[in-house]
Amino acid sequence: MEESAKNDIKTESDILKYIKEYEVINKKLVDVEKEIYYQEGQYLNDTGFKGSVLRGWETFFNDIKSPQDGTNGQVQESDRIFSKSSTSFPHIKSLIENETSSENQNNDQNT
């Protein structure tokens, strides 16, 4: 086999190796960003009525039991400062929404 053909094969195998490494790293990044999204949502849910770093502690000191803005404890996307700081947040959010809608469809089919 010619030297150039050997180099082409090596280059092609290197490219395939790097593509696989990229896919592994990208999967890890997606997993980390999903975890940040879920943990942030949990924090916002847990502290929504009591007060938080984002909203302050006025409700904690005033002993107000429900949110004043009518959110019923739902996490507002505008409060997601950690998730939204990522440049890939729109992609991650769409993945999470797709997973959620798939889970809801599966639950509807099972009932």
PDB file of N, CA and C in Angstrom:
ATOM      1  N   MET A   1       0.849  -1.168   0.000  1.00  0.00           N
ATOM      2  CA  MET A   1       0.000   0.000   0.000  1.00  0.00           C
ATOM      3  C   MET A   1       0.899   1.237   0.000  1.00  0.00           C
ATOM      4  N   GLU A   2       0.478   2.225  -0.718  1.00  0.00           N
ATOM      5  CA  GLU A   2       1.257   3.453  -0.797  1.00  0.00           C
ATOM      6  C   GLU A   2       1.258   4.193   0.533  1.00  0.00           C
ATOM      7  N   GLU A   3       2.299   5.011   0.701  1.00  0.00           N
ATOM      8  CA  GLU A   3       2.419   5.812   1.924  1.00  0.00           C
ATOM      9  C   GLU A   3       1.249   6.774   2.079  1.00  0.00           C
ATOM     10  N   SER A   4       0.831   7.403   0.981  1.00  0.00           N
ATOM     11  CA  SER A   4      -0.270   8.368   1.048  1.00  0.00           C
ATOM     12  C   SER A   4      -1.578   7.678   1.421  1.00  0.00           C
ATOM     13  N   ALA A   5      -1.800   6.467   0.936  1.00  0.00           N
ATOM     14  CA  ALA A   5      -3.011   5.721   1.285  1.00  0.00           C
ATOM     15  C   ALA A   5      -3.003   5.365   2.770  1.00  0.00           C
ATOM     16  N   LYS A   6      -1.839   5.005   3.309  1.00  0.00           N
ATOM     17  CA  LYS A   6      -1.727   4.701   4.740  1.00  0.00           C
ATOM     18  C   LYS A   6      -2.032   5.945   5.573  1.00  0.00           C
ATOM     19  N   ASN A   7      -1.514   7.078   5.121  1.00  0.00           N
ATOM     20  CA  ASN A   7      -1.780   8.333   5.835  1.00  0.00           C
ATOM     21  C   ASN A   7      -3.259   8.687   5.797  1.00  0.00           C
ATOM     22  N   ASP A   8      -3.903   8.437   4.644  1.00  0.00           N
ATOM     23  CA  ASP A   8      -5.333   8.712   4.530  1.00  0.00           C
ATOM     24  C   ASP A   8      -6.137   7.853   5.501  1.00  0.00           C
ATOM     25  N   ILE A   9      -5.763   6.578   5.601  1.00  0.00           N
ATOM     26  CA  ILE A   9      -6.463   5.671   6.514  1.00  0.00           C
ATOM     27  C   ILE A   9      -6.249   6.121   7.956  1.00  0.00           C
ATOM     28  N   LYS A  10      -5.004   6.480   8.293  1.00  0.00           N
ATOM     29  CA  LYS A  10      -4.722   6.954   9.644  1.00  0.00           C
ATOM     30  C   LYS A  10      -5.500   8.236   9.930  1.00  0.00           C
ATOM     31  N   THR A  11      -5.524   9.141   8.977  1.00  0.00           N
ATOM     32  CA  THR A  11      -6.254  10.394   9.155  1.00  0.00           C
ATOM     33  C   THR A  11      -7.744  10.124   9.337  1.00  0.00           C
ATOM     34  N   GLU A  12      -8.279   9.233   8.534  1.00  0.00           N
ATOM     35  CA  GLU A  12      -9.703   8.903   8.644  1.00  0.00           C
ATOM     36  C   GLU A  12     -10.010   8.266   9.997  1.00  0.00           C
ATOM     37  N   SER A  13      -9.156   7.365  10.451  1.00  0.00           N
ATOM     38  CA  SER A  13      -9.395   6.737  11.755  1.00  0.00           C
ATOM     39  C   SER A  13      -9.245   7.756  12.881  1.00  0.00           C
ATOM     40  N   ASP A  14      -8.313   8.701  12.726  1.00  0.00           N
ATOM     41  CA  ASP A  14      -8.176   9.772  13.719  1.00  0.00           C
ATOM     42  C   ASP A  14      -9.441  10.621  13.772  1.00  0.00           C
ATOM     43  N   ILE A  15      -9.969  10.958  12.615  1.00  0.00           N
ATOM     44  CA  ILE A  15     -11.190  11.763  12.557  1.00  0.00           C
ATOM     45  C   ILE A  15     -12.340  11.034  13.243  1.00  0.00           C
ATOM     46  N   LEU A  16     -12.489   9.752  12.965  1.00  0.00           N
ATOM     47  CA  LEU A  16     -13.552   8.969  13.603  1.00  0.00           C
ATOM     48  C   LEU A  16     -13.364   8.915  15.118  1.00  0.00           C
ATOM     49  N   LYS A  17     -12.106   8.770  15.537  1.00  0.00           N
ATOM     50  CA  LYS A  17     -11.808   8.752  16.974  1.00  0.00           C
ATOM     51  C   LYS A  17     -12.194  10.085  17.612  1.00  0.00           C
ATOM     52  N   TYR A  18     -11.859  11.192  16.959  1.00  0.00           N
ATOM     53  CA  TYR A  18     -12.174  12.510  17.505  1.00  0.00           C
ATOM     54  C   TYR A  18     -13.676  12.782  17.499  1.00  0.00           C
ATOM     55  N   ILE A  19     -14.359  12.281  16.508  1.00  0.00           N
ATOM     56  CA  ILE A  19     -15.818  12.436  16.473  1.00  0.00           C
ATOM     57  C   ILE A  19     -16.447  11.701  17.655  1.00  0.00           C
ATOM     58  N   LYS A  20     -15.960  10.493  17.932  1.00  0.00           N
ATOM     59  CA  LYS A  20     -16.488   9.738  19.075  1.00  0.00           C
ATOM     60  C   LYS A  20     -16.180  10.444  20.392  1.00  0.00           C
ATOM     61  N   GLU A  21     -14.966  10.982  20.511  1.00  0.00           N
ATOM     62  CA  GLU A  21     -14.610  11.733  21.719  1.00  0.00           C
ATOM     63  C   GLU A  21     -15.507  12.957  21.874  1.00  0.00           C
ATOM     64  N   TYR A  22     -15.761  13.646  20.774  1.00  0.00           N
ATOM     65  CA  TYR A  22     -16.640  14.816  20.796  1.00  0.00           C
ATOM     66  C   TYR A  22     -18.036  14.419  21.275  1.00  0.00           C
ATOM     67  N   GLU A  23     -18.546  13.313  20.768  1.00  0.00           N
ATOM     68  CA  GLU A  23     -19.886  12.870  21.155  1.00  0.00           C
ATOM     69  C   GLU A  23     -19.953  12.541  22.644  1.00  0.00           C
ATOM     70  N   VAL A  24     -18.908  11.917  23.175  1.00  0.00           N
ATOM     71  CA  VAL A  24     -18.869  11.589  24.601  1.00  0.00           C
ATOM     72  C   VAL A  24     -18.836  12.868  25.436  1.00  0.00           C
ATOM     73  N   ILE A  25     -17.975  13.802  25.049  1.00  0.00           N
ATOM     74  CA  ILE A  25     -17.864  15.066  25.780  1.00  0.00           C
ATOM     75  C   ILE A  25     -19.166  15.859  25.684  1.00  0.00           C
ATOM     76  N   ASN A  26     -19.761  15.882  24.508  1.00  0.00           N
ATOM     77  CA  ASN A  26     -21.020  16.603  24.324  1.00  0.00           C
ATOM     78  C   ASN A  26     -22.129  15.997  25.180  1.00  0.00           C
ATOM     79  N   LYS A  27     -22.182  14.680  25.272  1.00  0.00           N
ATOM     80  CA  LYS A  27     -23.182  14.001  26.110  1.00  0.00           C
ATOM     81  C   LYS A  27     -22.984  14.380  27.575  1.00  0.00           C
ATOM     82  N   LYS A  28     -21.720  14.416  28.016  1.00  0.00           N
ATOM     83  CA  LYS A  28     -21.441  14.812  29.397  1.00  0.00           C
ATOM     84  C   LYS A  28     -21.884  16.250  29.651  1.00  0.00           C
ATOM     85  N   LEU A  29     -21.622  17.127  28.700  1.00  0.00           N
ATOM     86  CA  LEU A  29     -22.034  18.527  28.832  1.00  0.00           C
ATOM     87  C   LEU A  29     -23.553  18.637  28.939  1.00  0.00           C
ATOM     88  N   VAL A  30     -24.255  17.919  28.092  1.00  0.00           N
ATOM     89  CA  VAL A  30     -25.722  17.932  28.130  1.00  0.00           C
ATOM     90  C   VAL A  30     -26.212  17.430  29.490  1.00  0.00           C
ATOM     91  N   ASP A  31     -25.601  16.353  29.988  1.00  0.00           N
ATOM     92  CA  ASP A  31     -26.008  15.811  31.289  1.00  0.00           C
ATOM     93  C   ASP A  31     -25.772  16.814  32.418  1.00  0.00           C
ATOM     94  N   VAL A  32     -24.618  17.487  32.391  1.00  0.00           N
ATOM     95  CA  VAL A  32     -24.314  18.484  33.426  1.00  0.00           C
ATOM     96  C   VAL A  32     -25.300  19.647  33.350  1.00  0.00           C
ATOM     97  N   GLU A  33     -25.575  20.116  32.147  1.00  0.00           N
ATOM     98  CA  GLU A  33     -26.492  21.252  32.006  1.00  0.00           C
ATOM     99  C   GLU A  33     -27.919  20.878  32.401  1.00  0.00           C
ATOM    100  N   LYS A  34     -28.340  19.660  32.107  1.00  0.00           N
ATOM    101  CA  LYS A  34     -29.664  19.214  32.555  1.00  0.00           C
ATOM    102  C   LYS A  34     -29.718  19.178  34.078  1.00  0.00           C
ATOM    103  N   GLU A  35     -28.660  18.679  34.686  1.00  0.00           N
ATOM    104  CA  GLU A  35     -28.612  18.610  36.147  1.00  0.00           C
ATOM    105  C   GLU A  35     -28.671  20.010  36.755  1.00  0.00           C
ATOM    106  N   ILE A  36     -27.951  20.962  36.170  1.00  0.00           N
ATOM    107  CA  ILE A  36     -28.011  22.348  36.641  1.00  0.00           C
ATOM    108  C   ILE A  36     -29.436  22.875  36.517  1.00  0.00           C
ATOM    109  N   TYR A  37     -30.077  22.600  35.395  1.00  0.00           N
ATOM    110  CA  TYR A  37     -31.451  23.056  35.161  1.00  0.00           C
ATOM    111  C   TYR A  37     -32.392  22.492  36.228  1.00  0.00           C
ATOM    112  N   TYR A  38     -32.281  21.181  36.486  1.00  0.00           N
ATOM    113  CA  TYR A  38     -33.167  20.550  37.468  1.00  0.00           C
ATOM    114  C   TYR A  38     -32.874  21.042  38.889  1.00  0.00           C
ATOM    115  N   GLN A  39     -31.603  21.135  39.248  1.00  0.00           N
ATOM    116  CA  GLN A  39     -31.238  21.599  40.588  1.00  0.00           C
ATOM    117  C   GLN A  39     -31.667  23.050  40.809  1.00  0.00           C
ATOM    118  N   GLU A  40     -31.484  23.861  39.779  1.00  0.00           N
ATOM    119  CA  GLU A  40     -31.907  25.256  39.877  1.00  0.00           C
ATOM    120  C   GLU A  40     -33.425  25.343  40.051  1.00  0.00           C
ATOM    121  N   GLY A  41     -34.153  24.541  39.293  1.00  0.00           N
ATOM    122  CA  GLY A  41     -35.608  24.505  39.433  1.00  0.00           C
ATOM    123  C   GLY A  41     -36.027  24.059  40.820  1.00  0.00           C
ATOM    124  N   GLN A  42     -35.328  23.068  41.354  1.00  0.00           N
ATOM    125  CA  GLN A  42     -35.628  22.590  42.704  1.00  0.00           C
ATOM    126  C   GLN A  42     -35.387  23.694  43.734  1.00  0.00           C
ATOM    127  N   TYR A  43     -34.273  24.395  43.590  1.00  0.00           N
ATOM    128  CA  TYR A  43     -33.977  25.507  44.507  1.00  0.00           C
ATOM    129  C   TYR A  43     -35.057  26.584  44.420  1.00  0.00           C
ATOM    130  N   LEU A  44     -35.417  26.941  43.200  1.00  0.00           N
ATOM    131  CA  LEU A  44     -36.430  27.987  43.022  1.00  0.00           C
ATOM    132  C   LEU A  44     -37.782  27.552  43.579  1.00  0.00           C
ATOM    133  N   ASN A  45     -38.132  26.271  43.411  1.00  0.00           N
ATOM    134  CA  ASN A  45     -39.380  25.756  43.996  1.00  0.00           C
ATOM    135  C   ASN A  45     -39.326  25.754  45.517  1.00  0.00           C
ATOM    136  N   ASP A  46     -38.208  25.292  46.054  1.00  0.00           N
ATOM    137  CA  ASP A  46     -38.080  25.178  47.510  1.00  0.00           C
ATOM    138  C   ASP A  46     -38.071  26.527  48.205  1.00  0.00           C
ATOM    139  N   THR A  47     -37.553  27.535  47.544  1.00  0.00           N
ATOM    140  CA  THR A  47     -37.408  28.841  48.192  1.00  0.00           C
ATOM    141  C   THR A  47     -38.426  29.862  47.705  1.00  0.00           C
ATOM    142  N   GLY A  48     -39.320  29.460  46.822  1.00  0.00           N
ATOM    143  CA  GLY A  48     -40.259  30.402  46.229  1.00  0.00           C
ATOM    144  C   GLY A  48     -41.099  31.164  47.226  1.00  0.00           C
ATOM    145  N   PHE A  49     -41.562  30.491  48.280  1.00  0.00           N
ATOM    146  CA  PHE A  49     -42.433  31.141  49.255  1.00  0.00           C
ATOM    147  C   PHE A  49     -41.654  31.761  50.410  1.00  0.00           C
ATOM    148  N   LYS A  50     -40.469  31.232  50.681  1.00  0.00           N
ATOM    149  CA  LYS A  50     -39.705  31.673  51.851  1.00  0.00           C
ATOM    150  C   LYS A  50     -38.773  32.834  51.555  1.00  0.00           C
ATOM    151  N   GLY A  51     -38.338  32.925  50.333  1.00  0.00           N
ATOM    152  CA  GLY A  51     -37.353  33.933  49.968  1.00  0.00           C
ATOM    153  C   GLY A  51     -36.120  33.250  49.404  1.00  0.00           C
ATOM    154  N   SER A  52     -35.389  33.971  48.605  1.00  0.00           N
ATOM    155  CA  SER A  52     -34.211  33.391  47.983  1.00  0.00           C
ATOM    156  C   SER A  52     -33.216  34.480  47.624  1.00  0.00           C
ATOM    157  N   VAL A  53     -32.084  34.055  47.140  1.00  0.00           N
ATOM    158  CA  VAL A  53     -31.055  34.984  46.693  1.00  0.00           C
ATOM    159  C   VAL A  53     -31.601  35.865  45.577  1.00  0.00           C
ATOM    160  N   LEU A  54     -32.455  35.317  44.733  1.00  0.00           N
ATOM    161  CA  LEU A  54     -32.991  36.070  43.600  1.00  0.00           C
ATOM    162  C   LEU A  54     -34.080  37.057  43.993  1.00  0.00           C
ATOM    163  N   ARG A  55     -34.979  36.629  44.830  1.00  0.00           N
ATOM    164  CA  ARG A  55     -36.162  37.443  45.135  1.00  0.00           C
ATOM    165  C   ARG A  55     -36.066  38.187  46.458  1.00  0.00           C
ATOM    166  N   GLY A  56     -35.083  37.879  47.242  1.00  0.00           N
ATOM    167  CA  GLY A  56     -34.977  38.516  48.549  1.00  0.00           C
ATOM    168  C   GLY A  56     -35.752  37.735  49.599  1.00  0.00           C
ATOM    169  N   TRP A  57     -35.733  38.243  50.834  1.00  0.00           N
ATOM    170  CA  TRP A  57     -36.348  37.527  51.940  1.00  0.00           C
ATOM    171  C   TRP A  57     -37.515  38.286  52.563  1.00  0.00           C
ATOM    172  N   GLU A  58     -38.128  39.178  51.820  1.00  0.00           N
ATOM    173  CA  GLU A  58     -39.249  39.935  52.367  1.00  0.00           C
ATOM    174  C   GLU A  58     -40.377  39.011  52.810  1.00  0.00           C
ATOM    175  N   THR A  59     -40.670  38.006  52.006  1.00  0.00           N
ATOM    176  CA  THR A  59     -41.766  37.093  52.354  1.00  0.00           C
ATOM    177  C   THR A  59     -41.432  36.287  53.601  1.00  0.00           C
ATOM    178  N   PHE A  60     -40.172  35.977  53.793  1.00  0.00           N
ATOM    179  CA  PHE A  60     -39.759  35.228  54.980  1.00  0.00           C
ATOM    180  C   PHE A  60     -40.019  36.050  56.239  1.00  0.00           C
ATOM    181  N   PHE A  61     -39.642  37.310  56.194  1.00  0.00           N
ATOM    182  CA  PHE A  61     -39.796  38.166  57.369  1.00  0.00           C
ATOM    183  C   PHE A  61     -41.242  38.601  57.586  1.00  0.00           C
ATOM    184  N   ASN A  62     -42.019  38.683  56.521  1.00  0.00           N
ATOM    185  CA  ASN A  62     -43.417  39.100  56.635  1.00  0.00           C
ATOM    186  C   ASN A  62     -44.363  37.931  56.827  1.00  0.00           C
ATOM    187  N   ASP A  63     -43.830  36.711  56.818  1.00  0.00           N
ATOM    188  CA  ASP A  63     -44.624  35.498  57.009  1.00  0.00           C
ATOM    189  C   ASP A  63     -45.753  35.386  55.992  1.00  0.00           C
ATOM    190  N   ILE A  64     -45.460  35.728  54.742  1.00  0.00           N
ATOM    191  CA  ILE A  64     -46.444  35.587  53.668  1.00  0.00           C
ATOM    192  C   ILE A  64     -46.398  34.141  53.179  1.00  0.00           C
ATOM    193  N   LYS A  65     -47.554  33.513  53.059  1.00  0.00           N
ATOM    194  CA  LYS A  65     -47.615  32.087  52.757  1.00  0.00           C
ATOM    195  C   LYS A  65     -47.707  31.755  51.275  1.00  0.00           C
ATOM    196  N   SER A  66     -48.118  32.690  50.436  1.00  0.00           N
ATOM    197  CA  SER A  66     -48.259  32.383  49.016  1.00  0.00           C
ATOM    198  C   SER A  66     -47.606  33.484  48.186  1.00  0.00           C
ATOM    199  N   PRO A  67     -47.244  33.158  46.966  1.00  0.00           N
ATOM    200  CA  PRO A  67     -46.591  34.166  46.134  1.00  0.00           C
ATOM    201  C   PRO A  67     -47.540  35.302  45.782  1.00  0.00           C
ATOM    202  N   GLN A  68     -47.004  36.503  45.704  1.00  0.00           N
ATOM    203  CA  GLN A  68     -47.819  37.670  45.395  1.00  0.00           C
ATOM    204  C   GLN A  68     -47.991  37.877  43.899  1.00  0.00           C
ATOM    205  N   ASP A  69     -47.173  37.233  43.115  1.00  0.00           N
ATOM    206  CA  ASP A  69     -47.233  37.484  41.674  1.00  0.00           C
ATOM    207  C   ASP A  69     -48.134  36.509  40.933  1.00  0.00           C
ATOM    208  N   GLY A  70     -48.852  35.654  41.647  1.00  0.00           N
ATOM    209  CA  GLY A  70     -49.799  34.747  41.017  1.00  0.00           C
ATOM    210  C   GLY A  70     -49.173  33.572  40.293  1.00  0.00           C
ATOM    211  N   THR A  71     -47.935  33.228  40.620  1.00  0.00           N
ATOM    212  CA  THR A  71     -47.271  32.135  39.911  1.00  0.00           C
ATOM    213  C   THR A  71     -47.623  30.776  40.478  1.00  0.00           C
ATOM    214  N   ASN A  72     -48.258  30.740  41.645  1.00  0.00           N
ATOM    215  CA  ASN A  72     -48.606  29.478  42.300  1.00  0.00           C
ATOM    216  C   ASN A  72     -47.392  28.584  42.489  1.00  0.00           C
ATOM    217  N   GLY A  73     -46.242  29.175  42.767  1.00  0.00           N
ATOM    218  CA  GLY A  73     -45.044  28.406  43.034  1.00  0.00           C
ATOM    219  C   GLY A  73     -44.333  27.894  41.803  1.00  0.00           C
ATOM    220  N   GLN A  74     -44.797  28.234  40.630  1.00  0.00           N
ATOM    221  CA  GLN A  74     -44.139  27.769  39.414  1.00  0.00           C
ATOM    222  C   GLN A  74     -42.862  28.558  39.183  1.00  0.00           C
ATOM    223  N   VAL A  75     -41.855  27.863  38.691  1.00  0.00           N
ATOM    224  CA  VAL A  75     -40.577  28.502  38.395  1.00  0.00           C
ATOM    225  C   VAL A  75     -40.732  29.363  37.150  1.00  0.00           C
ATOM    226  N   GLN A  76     -40.304  30.594  37.259  1.00  0.00           N
ATOM    227  CA  GLN A  76     -40.318  31.501  36.114  1.00  0.00           C
ATOM    228  C   GLN A  76     -38.991  31.358  35.369  1.00  0.00           C
ATOM    229  N   GLU A  77     -39.062  31.239  34.062  1.00  0.00           N
ATOM    230  CA  GLU A  77     -37.837  31.107  33.271  1.00  0.00           C
ATOM    231  C   GLU A  77     -36.914  32.304  33.467  1.00  0.00           C
ATOM    232  N   SER A  78     -37.477  33.459  33.740  1.00  0.00           N
ATOM    233  CA  SER A  78     -36.655  34.656  33.947  1.00  0.00           C
ATOM    234  C   SER A  78     -35.804  34.549  35.214  1.00  0.00           C
ATOM    235  N   ASP A  79     -36.162  33.655  36.140  1.00  0.00           N
ATOM    236  CA  ASP A  79     -35.387  33.461  37.370  1.00  0.00           C
ATOM    237  C   ASP A  79     -34.204  32.513  37.185  1.00  0.00           C
ATOM    238  N   ARG A  80     -34.135  31.842  36.083  1.00  0.00           N
ATOM    239  CA  ARG A  80     -33.086  30.844  35.859  1.00  0.00           C
ATOM    240  C   ARG A  80     -31.780  31.511  35.423  1.00  0.00           C
ATOM    241  N   ILE A  81     -31.065  32.087  36.393  1.00  0.00           N
ATOM    242  CA  ILE A  81     -29.835  32.793  36.027  1.00  0.00           C
ATOM    243  C   ILE A  81     -28.690  31.835  35.709  1.00  0.00           C
ATOM    244  N   PHE A  82     -28.629  30.684  36.356  1.00  0.00           N
ATOM    245  CA  PHE A  82     -27.536  29.750  36.091  1.00  0.00           C
ATOM    246  C   PHE A  82     -27.737  29.046  34.758  1.00  0.00           C
ATOM    247  N   SER A  83     -28.921  28.520  34.544  1.00  0.00           N
ATOM    248  CA  SER A  83     -29.201  27.828  33.286  1.00  0.00           C
ATOM    249  C   SER A  83     -29.054  28.763  32.100  1.00  0.00           C
ATOM    250  N   LYS A  84     -29.605  29.959  32.227  1.00  0.00           N
ATOM    251  CA  LYS A  84     -29.585  30.899  31.106  1.00  0.00           C
ATOM    252  C   LYS A  84     -28.201  31.475  30.835  1.00  0.00           C
ATOM    253  N   SER A  85     -27.259  31.291  31.748  1.00  0.00           N
ATOM    254  CA  SER A  85     -25.914  31.807  31.518  1.00  0.00           C
ATOM    255  C   SER A  85     -25.142  30.942  30.527  1.00  0.00           C
ATOM    256  N   SER A  86     -25.658  29.774  30.222  1.00  0.00           N
ATOM    257  CA  SER A  86     -25.008  28.876  29.271  1.00  0.00           C
ATOM    258  C   SER A  86     -25.427  29.221  27.846  1.00  0.00           C
ATOM    259  N   THR A  87     -24.465  29.210  26.940  1.00  0.00           N
ATOM    260  CA  THR A  87     -24.795  29.502  25.541  1.00  0.00           C
ATOM    261  C   THR A  87     -25.625  28.392  24.912  1.00  0.00           C
ATOM    262  N   SER A  88     -25.572  27.200  25.481  1.00  0.00           N
ATOM    263  CA  SER A  88     -26.343  26.092  24.919  1.00  0.00           C
ATOM    264  C   SER A  88     -27.688  25.904  25.625  1.00  0.00           C
ATOM    265  N   PHE A  89     -28.088  26.855  26.468  1.00  0.00           N
ATOM    266  CA  PHE A  89     -29.349  26.740  27.202  1.00  0.00           C
ATOM    267  C   PHE A  89     -30.557  26.507  26.297  1.00  0.00           C
ATOM    268  N   PRO A  90     -30.716  27.249  25.185  1.00  0.00           N
ATOM    269  CA  PRO A  90     -31.897  26.994  24.344  1.00  0.00           C
ATOM    270  C   PRO A  90     -31.964  25.541  23.853  1.00  0.00           C
ATOM    271  N   HIS A  91     -30.816  24.982  23.509  1.00  0.00           N
ATOM    272  CA  HIS A  91     -30.783  23.590  23.050  1.00  0.00           C
ATOM    273  C   HIS A  91     -31.141  22.643  24.197  1.00  0.00           C
ATOM    274  N   ILE A  92     -30.565  22.864  25.357  1.00  0.00           N
ATOM    275  CA  ILE A  92     -30.836  22.009  26.515  1.00  0.00           C
ATOM    276  C   ILE A  92     -32.306  22.104  26.910  1.00  0.00           C
ATOM    277  N   LYS A  93     -32.834  23.313  26.914  1.00  0.00           N
ATOM    278  CA  LYS A  93     -34.244  23.511  27.280  1.00  0.00           C
ATOM    279  C   LYS A  93     -35.160  22.750  26.323  1.00  0.00           C
ATOM    280  N   SER A  94     -34.852  22.788  25.024  1.00  0.00           N
ATOM    281  CA  SER A  94     -35.688  22.059  24.063  1.00  0.00           C
ATOM    282  C   SER A  94     -35.576  20.553  24.284  1.00  0.00           C
ATOM    283  N   LEU A  95     -34.392  20.053  24.646  1.00  0.00           N
ATOM    284  CA  LEU A  95     -34.245  18.626  24.955  1.00  0.00           C
ATOM    285  C   LEU A  95     -35.091  18.247  26.167  1.00  0.00           C
ATOM    286  N   ILE A  96     -35.052  19.079  27.189  1.00  0.00           N
ATOM    287  CA  ILE A  96     -35.825  18.808  28.407  1.00  0.00           C
ATOM    288  C   ILE A  96     -37.320  18.847  28.109  1.00  0.00           C
ATOM    289  N   GLU A  97     -37.752  19.827  27.326  1.00  0.00           N
ATOM    290  CA  GLU A  97     -39.170  19.918  26.969  1.00  0.00           C
ATOM    291  C   GLU A  97     -39.603  18.706  26.151  1.00  0.00           C
ATOM    292  N   ASN A  98     -38.753  18.238  25.232  1.00  0.00           N
ATOM    293  CA  ASN A  98     -39.074  17.047  24.443  1.00  0.00           C
ATOM    294  C   ASN A  98     -39.172  15.816  25.334  1.00  0.00           C
ATOM    295  N   GLU A  99     -38.244  15.682  26.291  1.00  0.00           N
ATOM    296  CA  GLU A  99     -38.295  14.551  27.214  1.00  0.00           C
ATOM    297  C   GLU A  99     -39.569  14.593  28.047  1.00  0.00           C
ATOM    298  N   THR A 100     -39.917  15.780  28.520  1.00  0.00           N
ATOM    299  CA  THR A 100     -41.113  15.943  29.345  1.00  0.00           C
ATOM    300  C   THR A 100     -42.370  15.607  28.558  1.00  0.00           C
ATOM    301  N   SER A 101     -42.454  16.080  27.308  1.00  0.00           N
ATOM    302  CA  SER A 101     -43.648  15.785  26.513  1.00  0.00           C
ATOM    303  C   SER A 101     -43.715  14.298  26.170  1.00  0.00           C
ATOM    304  N   SER A 102     -42.568  13.657  25.949  1.00  0.00           N
ATOM    305  CA  SER A 102     -42.553  12.215  25.686  1.00  0.00           C
ATOM    306  C   SER A 102     -43.019  11.445  26.914  1.00  0.00           C
ATOM    307  N   GLU A 103     -42.550  11.866  28.100  1.00  0.00           N
ATOM    308  CA  GLU A 103     -42.981  11.214  29.339  1.00  0.00           C
ATOM    309  C   GLU A 103     -44.476  11.392  29.552  1.00  0.00           C
ATOM    310  N   ASN A 104     -44.987  12.574  29.277  1.00  0.00           N
ATOM    311  CA  ASN A 104     -46.423  12.829  29.428  1.00  0.00           C
ATOM    312  C   ASN A 104     -47.238  11.978  28.468  1.00  0.00           C
ATOM    313  N   GLN A 105     -46.761  11.821  27.233  1.00  0.00           N
ATOM    314  CA  GLN A 105     -47.462  10.981  26.262  1.00  0.00           C
ATOM    315  C   GLN A 105     -47.456   9.532  26.713  1.00  0.00           C
ATOM    316  N   ASN A 106     -46.320   9.061  27.242  1.00  0.00           N
ATOM    317  CA  ASN A 106     -46.239   7.687  27.733  1.00  0.00           C
ATOM    318  C   ASN A 106     -47.171   7.484  28.920  1.00  0.00           C
ATOM    319  N   ASN A 107     -47.235   8.459  29.810  1.00  0.00           N
ATOM    320  CA  ASN A 107     -48.138   8.360  30.960  1.00  0.00           C
ATOM    321  C   ASN A 107     -49.592   8.347  30.516  1.00  0.00           C
ATOM    322  N   ASP A 108     -49.933   9.149  29.512  1.00  0.00           N
ATOM    323  CA  ASP A 108     -51.299   9.180  28.995  1.00  0.00           C
ATOM    324  C   ASP A 108     -51.675   7.845  28.360  1.00  0.00           C
ATOM    325  N   GLN A 109     -50.725   7.214  27.684  1.00  0.00           N
ATOM    326  CA  GLN A 109     -50.995   5.932  27.035  1.00  0.00           C
ATOM    327  C   GLN A 109     -51.144   4.818  28.058  1.00  0.00           C
ATOM    328  N   ASN A 110     -50.452   4.929  29.189  1.00  0.00           N
ATOM    329  CA  ASN A 110     -50.501   3.893  30.216  1.00  0.00           C
ATOM    330  C   ASN A 110     -51.727   4.003  31.111  1.00  0.00           C
ATOM    331  N   THR A 111     -52.433   5.123  31.063  1.00  0.00           N
ATOM    332  CA  THR A 111     -53.602   5.272  31.941  1.00  0.00           C
ATOM    333  C   THR A 111     -54.875   4.933  31.241  1.00  0.00           C
TER     334      THR A 111
END
